[in-house]
Protein backbone atom coordinates (compact mmCIF):
# COMPACT_ATOMS: atom_id res chain seq x y z
CA UNK A 1 25.90 -12.73 56.65
CA UNK A 2 23.74 -13.35 53.54
CA UNK A 3 23.85 -17.01 52.31
CA UNK A 4 21.20 -19.08 50.80
CA UNK A 5 23.22 -22.32 51.33
CA UNK A 6 22.86 -24.28 54.52
CA UNK A 7 25.79 -23.80 56.82
CA UNK A 8 27.94 -26.61 57.96
CA UNK A 9 30.72 -26.27 60.59
CA UNK A 10 33.98 -28.88 60.46
CA UNK A 11 36.06 -28.51 63.19
CA UNK A 12 39.43 -29.00 62.73
CA UNK A 13 41.34 -28.26 59.67
CA UNK A 14 43.60 -31.58 59.40
CA UNK A 15 44.72 -32.93 55.94
CA UNK A 16 41.27 -35.56 55.97
CA UNK A 17 38.99 -33.08 56.62
CA UNK A 18 40.04 -31.33 53.40
CA UNK A 19 38.32 -33.78 51.56
CA UNK A 20 35.34 -33.63 53.93
CA UNK A 21 34.99 -30.02 53.33
CA UNK A 22 34.97 -30.74 49.61
CA UNK A 23 32.38 -33.57 49.98
CA UNK A 24 30.28 -31.12 52.06
CA UNK A 25 30.67 -28.30 49.24
CA UNK A 26 29.23 -31.02 46.92
CA UNK A 27 26.35 -31.51 49.08
CA UNK A 28 25.42 -27.68 48.69
CA UNK A 29 27.02 -26.89 51.98
CA UNK A 30 28.59 -23.40 52.76
CA UNK A 31 31.59 -24.75 55.05
CA UNK A 32 33.01 -22.88 58.10
CA UNK A 33 36.21 -24.24 59.30
CA UNK A 34 37.05 -23.88 62.78
CA UNK A 35 40.54 -24.33 64.17
CA UNK A 36 42.77 -22.50 66.33
CA UNK A 37 45.88 -22.68 63.99
CA UNK A 38 46.32 -19.59 61.76
CA UNK A 39 47.04 -21.68 58.59
CA UNK A 40 45.65 -25.19 58.89
CA UNK A 41 45.87 -27.64 55.96
CA UNK A 42 42.31 -27.50 55.25
CA UNK A 43 41.90 -23.75 55.64
CA UNK A 44 41.86 -22.86 51.66
CA UNK A 45 38.94 -25.64 51.15
CA UNK A 46 36.67 -23.98 53.60
CA UNK A 47 34.56 -20.79 52.54
CA UNK A 48 35.54 -19.21 55.86
CA UNK A 49 37.85 -20.12 58.37
CA UNK A 50 37.68 -19.04 62.29
CA UNK A 51 40.58 -19.08 64.32
CA UNK A 52 39.10 -20.52 67.51
CA UNK A 53 39.87 -23.86 69.50
CA UNK A 54 37.79 -26.86 68.53
CA UNK A 55 37.64 -27.74 72.11
CA UNK A 56 35.62 -24.60 73.10
CA UNK A 57 32.30 -26.35 73.38
CA UNK A 58 30.59 -22.97 74.32
CA UNK A 59 32.61 -20.87 71.68
CA UNK A 60 31.48 -23.43 68.76
CA UNK A 61 27.98 -23.12 69.91
CA UNK A 62 27.86 -19.52 69.86
CA UNK A 63 29.45 -19.62 66.18
CA UNK A 64 26.65 -22.57 65.22
CA UNK A 65 23.82 -20.40 66.52
CA UNK A 66 25.34 -17.28 64.96
CA UNK A 67 25.58 -18.75 61.43
CA UNK A 68 22.63 -20.81 62.09
CA UNK A 69 24.31 -23.98 60.95
CA UNK A 70 22.78 -27.35 60.19
CA UNK A 71 25.64 -29.65 60.60
CA UNK A 72 28.57 -29.57 62.88
CA UNK A 73 30.92 -32.26 62.17
CA UNK A 74 34.70 -33.79 62.43
CA UNK A 75 35.44 -37.37 61.04
CA UNK A 76 38.80 -38.13 62.31
CA UNK A 77 39.37 -35.77 65.57
CA UNK A 78 38.76 -37.49 68.64
CA UNK A 79 38.13 -34.32 70.98
CA UNK A 80 36.54 -32.48 68.51
CA UNK A 81 33.56 -34.88 67.96
CA UNK A 82 32.93 -34.47 71.77
CA UNK A 83 32.33 -30.73 70.79
CA UNK A 84 30.54 -31.80 67.66
CA UNK A 85 27.95 -33.80 69.85
CA UNK A 86 27.50 -31.36 72.83
CA UNK A 87 26.56 -28.68 70.14
CA UNK A 88 24.26 -31.19 67.92
CA UNK A 89 22.37 -31.81 71.02
CA UNK A 90 21.82 -28.57 72.01
CA UNK A 91 20.53 -27.47 68.75
CA UNK A 92 19.04 -30.83 67.67
CA UNK A 93 21.56 -31.15 64.95
CA UNK A 94 22.46 -34.83 63.20
CA UNK A 95 25.27 -36.60 65.25
CA UNK A 96 26.44 -40.31 65.40
CA UNK A 97 26.16 -40.63 69.17
CA UNK A 98 25.21 -39.07 72.28
CA UNK A 99 27.48 -36.51 73.90
CA UNK A 100 27.79 -38.64 77.09
CA UNK A 101 28.89 -41.51 74.73
CA UNK A 102 31.43 -39.12 73.03
CA UNK A 103 32.97 -38.22 76.39
CA UNK A 104 33.31 -42.04 77.19
CA UNK A 105 35.22 -42.73 73.96
CA UNK A 106 37.65 -39.67 74.06
CA UNK A 107 38.48 -40.19 77.74
CA UNK A 108 41.35 -43.06 78.59
CA UNK A 109 39.95 -43.74 82.08
CA UNK A 110 36.16 -43.97 81.32
CA UNK A 111 37.38 -45.90 78.43
CA UNK A 112 39.34 -48.36 80.39
CA UNK A 113 36.96 -48.71 82.93
CA UNK A 114 34.06 -49.47 80.62
CA UNK A 115 36.36 -52.18 78.91
CA UNK A 116 37.47 -54.03 81.78
CA UNK A 117 33.62 -53.96 83.34
CA UNK A 118 32.67 -55.66 79.85
CA UNK A 119 35.28 -57.97 79.82
CA UNK A 120 37.02 -56.54 76.60
CA UNK A 121 40.94 -57.23 76.76
CA UNK A 122 43.25 -54.75 78.08
CA UNK A 123 46.24 -54.06 80.20
CA UNK A 124 46.18 -53.37 83.94
CA UNK A 125 46.01 -49.92 84.51
CA UNK A 126 45.68 -47.16 87.28
CA UNK A 127 44.89 -43.56 86.85
CA UNK A 128 46.37 -40.79 89.14
CA UNK A 129 45.91 -37.04 89.45
CA UNK A 130 49.41 -36.60 91.21
CA UNK A 131 52.95 -37.81 91.12
CA UNK A 132 52.59 -40.44 93.26
CA UNK A 133 53.95 -44.21 92.35
CA UNK A 134 53.33 -45.94 95.46
CA UNK A 135 50.97 -48.89 95.84
CA UNK A 136 50.85 -49.01 91.96
CA UNK A 137 50.43 -52.73 91.72
CA UNK A 138 52.02 -52.87 88.23
CA UNK A 139 54.81 -54.14 86.41
CA UNK A 140 57.47 -52.40 84.24
CA UNK A 141 57.74 -51.55 81.54
CA UNK A 142 54.72 -49.07 82.06
CA UNK A 143 52.90 -46.77 79.70
CA UNK A 144 52.16 -43.56 80.94
CA UNK A 145 49.68 -40.90 79.07
CA UNK A 146 47.27 -37.92 79.93
CA UNK A 147 43.65 -39.50 80.14
CA UNK A 148 42.50 -36.62 77.38
CA UNK A 149 45.00 -35.64 74.91
CA UNK A 150 45.17 -35.76 71.19
CA UNK A 151 48.11 -36.70 68.69
CA UNK A 152 49.93 -39.09 71.30
CA UNK A 153 50.97 -36.09 73.46
CA UNK A 154 52.51 -36.95 76.59
CA UNK A 155 52.76 -40.86 76.00
CA UNK A 156 55.82 -42.45 77.21
CA UNK A 157 57.30 -45.79 77.99
CA UNK A 158 58.73 -45.92 81.71
CA UNK A 159 61.14 -48.41 82.43
CA UNK A 160 61.77 -47.53 86.12
CA UNK A 161 60.56 -45.45 88.91
CA UNK A 162 62.40 -42.33 88.21
CA UNK A 163 61.62 -42.38 84.52
CA UNK A 164 57.88 -43.01 85.74
CA UNK A 165 57.83 -40.07 87.87
CA UNK A 166 59.31 -37.81 85.17
CA UNK A 167 56.87 -38.87 82.27
CA UNK A 168 53.86 -38.74 84.86
CA UNK A 169 54.55 -35.23 85.97
CA UNK A 170 54.63 -34.34 82.12
CA UNK A 171 51.47 -36.24 81.44
CA UNK A 172 49.59 -34.59 84.18
CA UNK A 173 50.89 -31.08 82.88
CA UNK A 174 49.68 -31.76 79.46
CA UNK A 175 46.05 -33.23 80.86
CA UNK A 176 43.19 -30.30 80.65
CA UNK A 177 41.68 -32.08 83.81
CA UNK A 178 44.93 -32.90 85.64
CA UNK A 179 44.85 -36.94 85.28
CA UNK A 180 46.89 -39.25 83.68
CA UNK A 181 47.06 -43.20 83.14
CA UNK A 182 49.56 -45.99 84.09
CA UNK A 183 49.19 -48.97 82.25
CA UNK A 184 51.27 -52.13 81.66
CA UNK A 185 53.16 -52.57 78.39
CA UNK A 186 52.49 -55.25 76.41
CA UNK A 187 55.08 -57.15 73.97
CA UNK A 188 53.55 -57.74 70.49
CA UNK A 189 52.79 -56.52 67.19
CA UNK A 190 50.75 -53.26 67.02
CA UNK A 191 47.73 -53.51 64.93
CA UNK A 192 45.04 -51.13 63.87
CA UNK A 193 41.77 -52.51 62.66
CA UNK A 194 39.10 -50.22 60.94
CA UNK A 195 35.66 -51.34 60.66
CA UNK A 196 32.11 -49.60 60.20
CA UNK A 197 29.35 -50.16 62.84
CA UNK A 198 25.78 -50.33 61.33
CA UNK A 199 22.85 -50.70 62.97
CA UNK A 200 25.10 -52.66 65.69
CA UNK A 201 26.75 -54.99 63.21
CA UNK A 202 30.33 -55.00 62.58
CA UNK A 203 31.66 -54.55 58.94
CA UNK A 204 35.25 -55.34 58.74
CA UNK A 205 37.26 -52.72 56.30
CA UNK A 206 41.24 -52.97 56.78
CA UNK A 207 43.83 -53.62 59.02
CA UNK A 208 47.42 -52.30 59.36
CA UNK A 209 50.44 -53.07 61.31
CA UNK A 210 51.96 -49.76 62.99
CA UNK A 211 55.80 -49.55 63.12
CA UNK A 212 57.14 -47.65 66.12
CA UNK A 213 60.07 -45.47 66.23
CA UNK A 214 63.43 -46.53 67.33
CA UNK A 215 62.85 -46.94 70.96
CA UNK A 216 65.91 -46.27 73.33
CA UNK A 217 66.88 -44.65 76.52
CA UNK A 218 67.16 -41.30 74.87
CA UNK A 219 63.57 -41.91 73.03
CA UNK A 220 60.85 -43.15 75.38
CA UNK A 221 58.43 -41.80 72.90
CA UNK A 222 55.38 -44.03 71.81
CA UNK A 223 54.88 -42.50 68.27
CA UNK A 224 54.69 -44.42 65.09
CA UNK A 225 56.84 -44.14 61.82
CA UNK A 226 53.95 -45.45 59.86
CA UNK A 227 52.32 -48.36 59.13
CA UNK A 228 52.08 -51.58 56.72
CA UNK A 229 48.67 -52.27 55.05
CA UNK A 230 46.90 -54.37 55.14
CA UNK A 231 48.33 -56.21 58.19
CA UNK A 232 49.18 -60.18 58.01
CA UNK A 233 46.94 -61.49 60.22
CA UNK A 234 45.12 -64.99 60.36
CA UNK A 235 41.47 -65.50 59.94
CA UNK A 236 41.26 -66.39 63.51
CA UNK A 237 42.99 -63.17 64.66
CA UNK A 238 40.33 -61.14 62.23
CA UNK A 239 37.33 -62.76 63.49
CA UNK A 240 38.43 -62.17 67.17
CA UNK A 241 38.91 -58.33 66.37
CA UNK A 242 35.25 -58.60 64.91
CA UNK A 243 34.24 -60.09 68.16
CA UNK A 244 35.84 -56.95 70.32
CA UNK A 245 34.47 -54.59 67.87
CA UNK A 246 30.95 -55.81 68.40
CA UNK A 247 31.68 -55.93 72.14
CA UNK A 248 32.86 -52.24 72.06
CA UNK A 249 29.73 -51.59 69.86
CA UNK A 250 27.27 -53.13 72.55
CA UNK A 251 29.50 -51.58 75.46
CA UNK A 252 29.67 -48.15 74.88
CA UNK A 253 26.37 -47.64 72.71
CA UNK A 254 27.87 -47.21 69.41
CA UNK A 255 25.35 -48.17 66.95
CA UNK A 256 26.04 -46.24 63.98
CA UNK A 257 29.82 -45.20 63.18
CA UNK A 258 33.18 -45.52 61.62
CA UNK A 259 35.17 -47.56 64.35
CA UNK A 260 39.26 -47.78 64.66
CA UNK A 261 40.91 -50.27 67.14
CA UNK A 262 44.44 -50.19 68.51
CA UNK A 263 45.56 -53.06 70.03
CA UNK A 264 48.65 -55.76 70.73
CA UNK A 265 48.41 -59.08 69.06
CA UNK A 266 50.86 -61.61 70.69
CA UNK A 267 49.95 -64.86 69.02
CA UNK A 268 46.61 -65.40 69.42
CA UNK A 269 46.05 -62.97 72.14
CA UNK A 270 44.72 -59.68 71.44
CA UNK A 271 44.94 -56.74 74.10
CA UNK A 272 43.09 -53.40 73.15
CA UNK A 273 45.05 -50.31 73.68
CA UNK A 274 42.26 -47.89 72.84
CA UNK A 275 39.68 -47.41 70.31
CA UNK A 276 38.06 -43.98 68.47
CA UNK A 277 34.55 -43.75 67.06
CA UNK A 278 35.94 -42.08 64.08
CA UNK A 279 37.88 -42.65 61.22
CA UNK A 280 42.06 -42.37 61.19
CA UNK A 281 44.12 -39.42 60.97
CA UNK A 282 46.87 -39.00 58.49
CA UNK A 283 46.96 -41.02 55.39
CA UNK A 284 44.19 -43.70 56.62
CA UNK A 285 41.13 -42.76 54.17
CA UNK A 286 43.38 -42.25 51.42
CA UNK A 287 45.05 -45.74 51.80
CA UNK A 288 41.76 -47.49 52.48
CA UNK A 289 40.43 -45.78 49.29
CA UNK A 290 43.60 -47.06 47.27
CA UNK A 291 43.79 -50.48 48.31
CA UNK A 292 39.90 -51.35 48.53
CA UNK A 293 38.13 -48.54 46.41
CA UNK A 294 35.99 -47.95 49.64
CA UNK A 295 35.25 -44.29 50.49
CA UNK A 296 35.44 -44.14 54.35
CA UNK A 297 34.89 -40.39 54.39
CA UNK A 298 31.70 -40.58 52.85
CA UNK A 299 31.01 -43.33 55.48
CA UNK A 300 32.01 -40.85 58.32
CA UNK A 301 29.46 -38.26 57.00
CA UNK A 302 26.63 -40.99 56.82
CA UNK A 303 27.05 -41.91 60.44
CA UNK A 304 26.30 -38.38 61.68
CA UNK A 305 23.06 -38.85 59.60
CA UNK A 306 22.63 -42.20 60.59
CA UNK A 307 22.29 -43.16 56.91
CA UNK A 308 23.25 -46.36 55.30
CA UNK A 309 27.13 -46.69 54.81
CA UNK A 310 27.77 -48.04 51.51
CA UNK A 311 29.77 -51.87 52.06
CA UNK A 312 30.99 -52.52 48.60
CA UNK A 313 34.93 -52.81 48.43
CA UNK A 314 37.42 -54.91 47.01
CA UNK A 315 39.74 -56.95 48.87
CA UNK A 316 43.48 -55.76 48.66
CA UNK A 317 45.84 -57.48 46.36
CA UNK A 318 48.77 -55.03 46.76
CA UNK A 319 50.51 -53.86 49.94
CA UNK A 320 50.85 -49.97 51.04
CA UNK A 321 53.23 -48.24 53.34
CA UNK A 322 52.93 -44.94 54.73
CA UNK A 323 55.95 -43.27 56.19
CA UNK A 324 55.59 -39.89 58.38
CA UNK A 325 58.27 -37.29 58.11
CA UNK A 326 59.22 -35.81 61.65
CA UNK A 327 61.09 -32.79 62.26
CA UNK A 328 62.92 -30.83 65.07
CA UNK A 329 61.28 -27.85 66.72
CA UNK A 330 62.01 -25.31 64.42
CA UNK A 331 60.54 -22.97 61.68
CA UNK A 332 59.70 -25.08 58.79
CA UNK A 333 61.56 -24.36 55.53
CA UNK A 334 61.74 -26.45 52.59
CA UNK A 335 60.95 -29.84 52.01
CA UNK A 336 62.74 -31.45 49.08
CA UNK A 337 63.09 -35.19 47.46
CA UNK A 338 59.83 -35.90 46.91
CA UNK A 339 59.85 -35.03 43.27
CA UNK A 340 63.01 -37.13 42.85
CA UNK A 341 61.42 -40.03 44.22
CA UNK A 342 58.27 -39.96 41.88
CA UNK A 343 60.75 -39.68 38.90
CA UNK A 344 62.20 -42.82 40.34
CA UNK A 345 58.84 -44.34 40.48
CA UNK A 346 59.50 -45.19 44.55
CA UNK A 347 56.21 -43.62 45.84
CA UNK A 348 52.74 -43.66 45.20
CA UNK A 349 52.38 -40.25 46.23
CA UNK A 350 53.29 -37.95 48.72
CA UNK A 351 51.59 -35.13 51.07
CA UNK A 352 52.91 -32.05 52.92
CA UNK A 353 51.11 -31.35 55.87
CA UNK A 354 52.61 -27.63 57.01
CA UNK A 355 53.34 -24.63 55.14
CA UNK A 356 56.64 -22.73 54.87
CA UNK A 357 57.24 -20.52 58.14
CA UNK A 358 54.94 -22.94 60.62
CA UNK A 359 56.79 -23.07 63.99
CA UNK A 360 57.25 -26.80 64.92
CA UNK A 361 56.65 -27.80 68.80
CA UNK A 362 58.73 -29.36 70.99
CA UNK A 363 56.84 -32.38 71.78
CA UNK A 364 57.60 -35.07 69.45
CA UNK A 365 53.90 -36.20 68.35
CA UNK A 366 51.64 -36.18 65.19
CA UNK A 367 51.63 -32.57 65.47
CA UNK A 368 55.42 -32.52 64.71
CA UNK A 369 54.92 -34.38 61.42
CA UNK A 370 55.34 -32.05 58.38
CA UNK A 371 54.37 -34.71 55.57
CA UNK A 372 54.45 -38.35 54.53
CA UNK A 373 54.72 -40.57 51.64
CA UNK A 374 53.25 -43.85 50.57
CA UNK A 375 54.47 -46.60 48.61
CA UNK A 376 52.83 -49.35 47.22
CA UNK A 377 54.14 -52.92 46.11
CA UNK A 378 53.23 -56.51 45.39
CA UNK A 379 55.22 -57.32 49.06
CA UNK A 380 56.18 -55.71 52.26
CA UNK A 381 59.99 -56.53 51.24
CA UNK A 382 59.29 -54.46 48.14
CA UNK A 383 57.60 -51.93 50.47
CA UNK A 384 60.71 -51.72 52.72
CA UNK A 385 63.15 -51.51 49.84
CA UNK A 386 61.36 -48.38 48.43
CA UNK A 387 60.98 -46.72 51.77
CA UNK A 388 64.77 -46.79 52.50
CA UNK A 389 65.59 -45.45 49.19
CA UNK A 390 63.19 -42.45 49.68
CA UNK A 391 64.77 -41.66 52.87
CA UNK A 392 67.75 -41.36 51.74
CA UNK A 393 66.59 -38.97 48.81
CA UNK A 394 64.15 -36.67 51.00
CA UNK A 395 65.10 -33.68 53.66
CA UNK A 396 63.70 -30.94 55.38
CA UNK A 397 65.26 -27.88 55.97
CA UNK A 398 64.63 -25.04 58.52
CA UNK A 399 64.06 -21.24 57.32
CA UNK A 400 68.01 -20.91 57.87
CA UNK A 401 68.67 -23.78 55.66
CA UNK A 402 69.77 -26.36 58.27
CA UNK A 403 68.40 -29.89 58.07
CA UNK A 404 66.06 -30.63 60.46
CA UNK A 405 64.48 -34.03 59.65
CA UNK A 406 64.66 -36.64 62.33
CA UNK A 407 66.45 -39.52 60.26
CA UNK A 408 67.54 -41.79 63.50
CA UNK A 409 63.94 -42.66 64.18
CA UNK A 410 63.26 -45.20 61.32
CA UNK A 411 64.27 -48.86 61.41
CA UNK A 412 62.41 -50.37 58.14
CA UNK A 413 62.86 -53.82 57.92
């Protein structure tokens, strides 16, 4: 291929990577998108789409060599960051942290082990490679998850031995290396904390309170409906998050990166669920920008080059809530109602993730999100009012015209 521009590979055609690709083009790159899906969200934004797995490190390495690329990047996909760092080290390309570090921050067992060793607060856990629940020394309820999956696949809450065995078997099947983690469930508010690590120092950006799906005996899935931004946190809790972020930076060798932390807050106590040395997916970057004016995608790019990340942003004066649209495992048809909701000034904006004709998978995870909408208001109470009205208006249909949106997973109050 004759091309006078520098070539860059973007790993994963997710929604945030649409803007990533645009920004790389503005910097003069010819962008090659690698994604195993035939029609990922960012396909039409790239110069070329190669339908290959972002998890196949050797394949991506061969593509990088073939196209003589100058950059291999992902800013919001955990496992893709492992591939990016692997290829970058092999070819001497920019990367935010080493390949070894990339493995420790994406393998839940390695992450837990290092957190415990360095006194970072987290729940008690066991790692297993077979369905054996004897001698776990853990108290129900328990959370079960594969050690190395994306999109919250296989993450379930078990309340007894029977459920634990069932969900553990599923998690082991999903895990690429056949391991699962079992940890004690913590009661409290689930908080997301976004920050920058620059020269080893922590810069606070944003917080959010994640809203879980309605949980019952028929729905053990640990998946979120959306979040409220910013979360209502005391200065003391924010300071504790800053201390924990610094501990993570020092313990994992993260000197220059974006960082997102998921934790349970109960009173003055914080228990870290996990973290990602990346920006959040979905609407994360857009919401941060709407509330603060800060460009976190740009920060993600600069982290690969270890360049100074801008830290100028305004404090939020309003609240935003994002709500994800989940559907049944059908072939996607039409999504209706967003335009009507916009006409009624109920939503700030909406976004559709999947194209018509996409087969939706069975496992209810972020891969089953077909879209999202954002509301913005002066209070969380006004956000709730708008969300409930929008949920009454919108609907999703399959290719045969049957409604397929999960509407019983929402409890907005």
